[in-house]
Protein backbone atom coordinates (compact mmCIF):
# COMPACT_ATOMS: atom_id res chain seq x y z
CA MET A 1 72.26 120.05 109.32
CA SER A 2 75.95 119.40 107.67
CA ILE A 3 76.43 116.50 105.46
CA LEU A 4 79.45 114.29 106.44
CA VAL A 5 81.68 112.12 104.36
CA LYS A 6 80.06 108.95 105.65
CA ASP A 7 76.78 110.08 104.06
CA VAL A 8 78.09 110.11 100.68
CA MET A 9 81.62 107.96 100.62
CA GLY A 10 82.07 104.73 98.97
CA ARG A 11 82.29 101.78 101.11
CA VAL A 12 84.79 100.06 99.08
CA ALA A 13 88.73 101.08 99.45
CA ILE A 14 90.79 100.25 96.25
CA ALA A 15 94.07 99.52 98.12
CA VAL A 16 97.26 97.88 97.20
CA LEU A 17 100.16 96.95 99.28
CA PRO A 18 103.68 98.41 98.96
CA ASP A 19 105.11 95.58 96.93
CA ALA A 20 102.28 95.81 94.25
CA ALA A 21 103.78 95.73 90.82
CA PHE A 22 103.19 98.50 88.29
CA ALA A 23 101.02 96.15 86.19
CA GLU A 24 99.01 95.26 89.09
CA ILE A 25 98.27 98.90 90.12
CA VAL A 26 97.31 99.64 86.19
CA ALA A 27 95.15 96.57 86.33
CA ALA A 28 93.41 97.69 89.53
CA MET A 29 92.61 101.35 88.44
CA ARG A 30 91.23 99.70 84.90
CA ARG A 31 89.05 97.24 86.51
CA TYR A 32 87.57 99.68 89.29
CA ALA A 33 87.57 102.61 86.98
CA VAL A 34 89.35 104.78 89.50
CA GLY A 35 92.24 107.33 88.81
CA ALA A 36 94.31 106.30 92.03
CA VAL A 37 94.93 103.65 94.57
CA THR A 38 95.58 103.92 98.15
CA VAL A 39 98.74 101.94 99.48
CA ILE A 40 98.26 100.26 102.77
CA ASP A 41 100.37 98.70 105.30
CA GLU A 42 99.80 95.11 106.74
CA ASN A 43 97.46 96.62 109.21
CA ARG A 44 95.40 98.34 106.41
CA ARG A 45 96.63 101.83 107.27
CA PRO A 46 97.21 104.17 104.41
CA ILE A 47 100.73 105.18 103.75
CA GLY A 48 100.30 106.74 100.37
CA VAL A 49 98.69 107.20 96.95
CA VAL A 50 99.36 106.03 93.43
CA SER A 51 97.73 108.26 91.08
CA GLU A 52 97.45 108.12 87.09
CA THR A 53 99.88 110.99 87.40
CA ASP A 54 102.60 109.05 89.26
CA LEU A 55 102.18 106.29 86.66
CA MET A 56 102.63 108.55 83.54
CA LEU A 57 106.05 109.66 84.96
CA LYS A 58 107.11 106.38 83.32
CA GLU A 59 106.38 107.68 79.79
CA ILE A 60 107.31 111.23 80.24
CA ASP A 61 110.46 110.83 82.07
CA PRO A 62 113.53 112.54 80.23
CA VAL A 63 116.54 110.58 79.91
CA ARG A 64 118.61 111.43 83.08
CA HIS A 65 122.49 111.69 82.77
CA GLY A 66 123.68 111.80 86.46
CA VAL A 67 122.55 114.16 89.07
CA SER A 68 122.48 118.04 88.76
CA MET A 69 122.70 120.36 91.45
CA PHE A 70 120.10 122.54 89.91
CA GLU A 71 117.57 119.91 90.50
CA SER A 72 114.71 120.59 92.74
CA ARG A 73 113.46 118.34 95.34
CA THR A 74 110.39 117.83 93.19
CA GLN A 75 112.28 116.98 90.02
CA ARG A 76 114.40 114.49 91.99
CA ARG A 77 111.22 113.04 93.40
CA GLU A 78 109.64 112.63 90.12
CA TYR A 79 112.96 111.11 88.78
CA ASP A 80 112.77 108.47 91.35
CA LYS A 81 109.17 107.68 90.77
CA ALA A 82 109.76 107.26 87.21
CA ALA A 83 112.37 104.57 87.78
CA GLY A 84 110.03 102.97 90.37
CA VAL A 85 108.36 99.48 89.67
CA THR A 86 106.31 98.96 92.73
CA ALA A 87 103.71 100.91 94.73
CA GLY A 88 106.01 101.75 97.47
CA GLU A 89 108.52 103.32 95.10
CA LEU A 90 105.51 105.16 93.00
CA MET A 91 103.35 106.39 95.49
CA THR A 92 102.98 109.87 96.87
CA ALA A 93 103.54 110.20 100.79
CA PRO A 94 102.01 110.89 103.14
CA PRO A 95 98.48 110.44 101.94
CA ILE A 96 95.63 113.06 102.40
CA THR A 97 92.94 111.59 104.17
CA VAL A 98 89.73 112.35 105.77
CA THR A 99 87.39 110.61 108.38
CA PRO A 100 83.77 109.56 107.97
CA GLU A 101 82.97 112.52 110.30
CA THR A 102 84.69 115.05 107.95
CA ARG A 103 82.15 117.69 106.54
CA VAL A 104 81.57 117.30 102.93
CA ARG A 105 82.28 120.83 102.38
CA ASP A 106 85.44 120.42 104.05
CA ALA A 107 86.57 117.54 102.07
CA ALA A 108 85.70 119.18 98.79
CA ARG A 109 87.82 122.32 99.86
CA LEU A 110 90.61 120.08 100.68
CA MET A 111 90.62 118.22 97.15
CA HIS A 112 90.60 121.62 95.42
CA ALA A 113 93.42 122.67 97.52
CA LYS A 114 95.61 119.38 97.07
CA GLN A 115 94.13 119.07 93.51
CA VAL A 116 93.22 115.41 94.00
CA LYS A 117 89.98 113.54 92.87
CA GLN A 118 89.69 111.14 95.66
CA LEU A 119 90.65 110.87 99.38
CA PRO A 120 90.93 107.65 101.37
CA VAL A 121 88.67 107.73 104.35
CA VAL A 122 90.17 106.32 107.75
CA ASP A 123 88.74 105.26 111.20
CA PRO A 124 90.04 108.08 113.42
CA GLU A 125 90.67 105.45 116.03
CA THR A 126 92.60 102.87 114.43
CA GLY A 127 93.88 104.76 111.43
CA ARG A 128 92.55 101.76 109.16
CA ILE A 129 90.80 102.75 105.54
CA VAL A 130 87.25 102.37 105.69
CA GLY A 131 86.20 103.89 102.30
CA THR A 132 87.00 106.20 99.61
CA LEU A 133 85.59 109.87 98.72
CA HIS A 134 85.45 110.29 95.10
CA GLN A 135 84.73 113.81 93.39
CA ARG A 136 81.56 112.13 92.08
CA ASP A 137 80.45 111.38 95.80
CA VAL A 138 80.74 115.19 96.73
CA LEU A 139 78.69 116.28 93.87
CA ARG A 140 75.86 113.90 94.83
CA VAL A 141 75.28 116.63 97.53
CA PHE A 142 73.82 118.84 94.60
CA THR A 143 71.31 116.20 93.66
CA ARG A 144 69.67 116.24 97.04
CA PRO A 145 65.62 116.10 96.99
CA ALA A 146 64.18 119.48 97.05
CA VAL A 147 62.26 118.34 100.50
CA GLU A 148 65.34 117.74 102.06
CA LEU A 149 66.94 120.57 101.03
CA GLU A 150 64.35 123.14 101.86
CA ARG A 151 64.11 121.69 105.18
CA ASP A 152 67.85 122.53 106.09
CA VAL A 153 67.35 126.07 104.31
CA ARG A 154 64.38 126.92 106.70
CA ALA A 155 66.53 125.47 109.57
CA VAL A 156 69.21 128.49 109.07
CA LEU A 157 66.61 131.19 108.49
CA ALA A 158 66.54 133.82 111.10
CA GLU A 159 63.72 133.34 113.56
CA ASP A 160 62.80 137.05 113.74
CA GLY A 161 61.60 137.25 110.09
CA THR A 162 58.99 135.75 107.86
CA PHE A 163 60.23 133.96 104.81
CA THR A 164 59.02 131.94 101.63
CA VAL A 165 61.51 129.37 100.09
CA ARG A 166 61.20 128.21 96.48
CA ILE A 167 63.73 125.73 95.22
CA ASP A 168 64.62 124.81 91.75
CA GLY A 169 67.74 122.67 90.41
CA GLY A 170 69.34 123.48 93.82
CA VAL A 171 68.88 127.47 93.12
CA VAL A 172 67.11 128.76 96.18
CA ARG A 173 64.74 131.65 95.92
CA LEU A 174 64.03 133.76 99.19
CA GLY A 175 61.09 136.04 99.84
CA GLY A 176 59.89 137.58 102.73
CA ARG A 177 60.67 140.49 105.20
CA VAL A 178 62.91 141.28 108.14
CA ARG A 179 63.42 144.46 110.47
CA ARG A 180 67.18 145.35 108.85
CA ARG A 181 68.98 145.17 105.98
CA SER A 182 71.80 143.81 107.66
CA GLN A 183 69.61 140.57 108.34
CA VAL A 184 69.03 140.25 104.59
CA ILE A 185 72.86 139.73 104.11
CA ALA A 186 73.31 137.65 107.02
CA VAL A 187 70.40 135.27 105.88
CA ALA A 188 71.46 134.94 102.26
CA GLU A 189 74.79 133.90 103.25
CA ALA A 190 73.61 131.49 105.87
CA VAL A 191 71.58 129.84 103.20
CA ARG A 192 74.41 129.83 100.67
CA GLY A 193 76.33 127.89 103.23
CA VAL A 194 73.70 124.68 103.10
CA GLU A 195 75.31 121.71 101.55
CA GLY A 196 73.39 121.29 98.01
CA VAL A 197 72.57 124.82 97.43
CA VAL A 198 73.90 125.85 94.14
CA ASP A 199 72.88 129.59 94.33
CA VAL A 200 70.68 131.88 96.18
CA VAL A 201 68.20 134.60 94.71
CA CYS A 202 67.40 136.83 97.66
CA GLU A 203 64.39 138.91 97.39
CA VAL A 204 63.75 139.62 100.91
CA SER A 205 62.68 142.96 101.90
CA PHE A 206 63.78 145.14 104.91
CA ASP A 207 62.23 148.05 107.08
CA ASP A 208 65.40 149.73 108.29
CA ASP A 209 68.44 150.34 106.44
CA ASP A 210 71.21 149.98 109.09
CA LEU A 211 73.90 149.80 106.44
CA MET A 212 73.38 153.16 105.04
CA ALA A 213 76.35 154.97 104.78
CA LEU A 214 76.55 158.45 106.82
CA PRO A 215 78.13 161.61 105.23
CA PRO A 216 81.43 162.53 106.52
CA LEU A 217 81.47 164.81 109.40
CA LEU A 218 82.91 168.42 108.28
């Protein structure tokens, strides 16, 4: 059973309007101990995100003497952000969002790919923000109760085999027997894909080696 964003997300969304001042953004981040705030329109729909990285450009922005033809689009955007004083000017847009029904595994991959630590969660019908998914929320998956984790592990095991399951600290140790060696590989990969599994130690034996390499024909 997949764990969804709605199962672990925070129900409070730290958001500001586009005209929020620089100091107001910093104050919101400090008050709620977050590394970013979502910028929303008057209908509570996310239009961008202001992160600590965006704010840091104000400190590291070099002195600019005109516009260079050799500047990249990213460099020009960073200069504009460094000169900004409101959320609308500082934000990165469009925002990267997920919905409550997004799988946590997919959200984690998105965070890793986009190098962000939190994602606004939006209602898929209205587009309005309904919460925030933080990295710490994703990591909660790895602290699931062993009983709950074992239930999901057993649900993905092949029906034509006998298995034993032991779980310690998220590490699943599988024992038992199946008919074919290829089934051992498939079972181990299926268990590894269960949310909350840290690693799999597979000690499942088999009767037939259907993966045995055959000698080339002469």
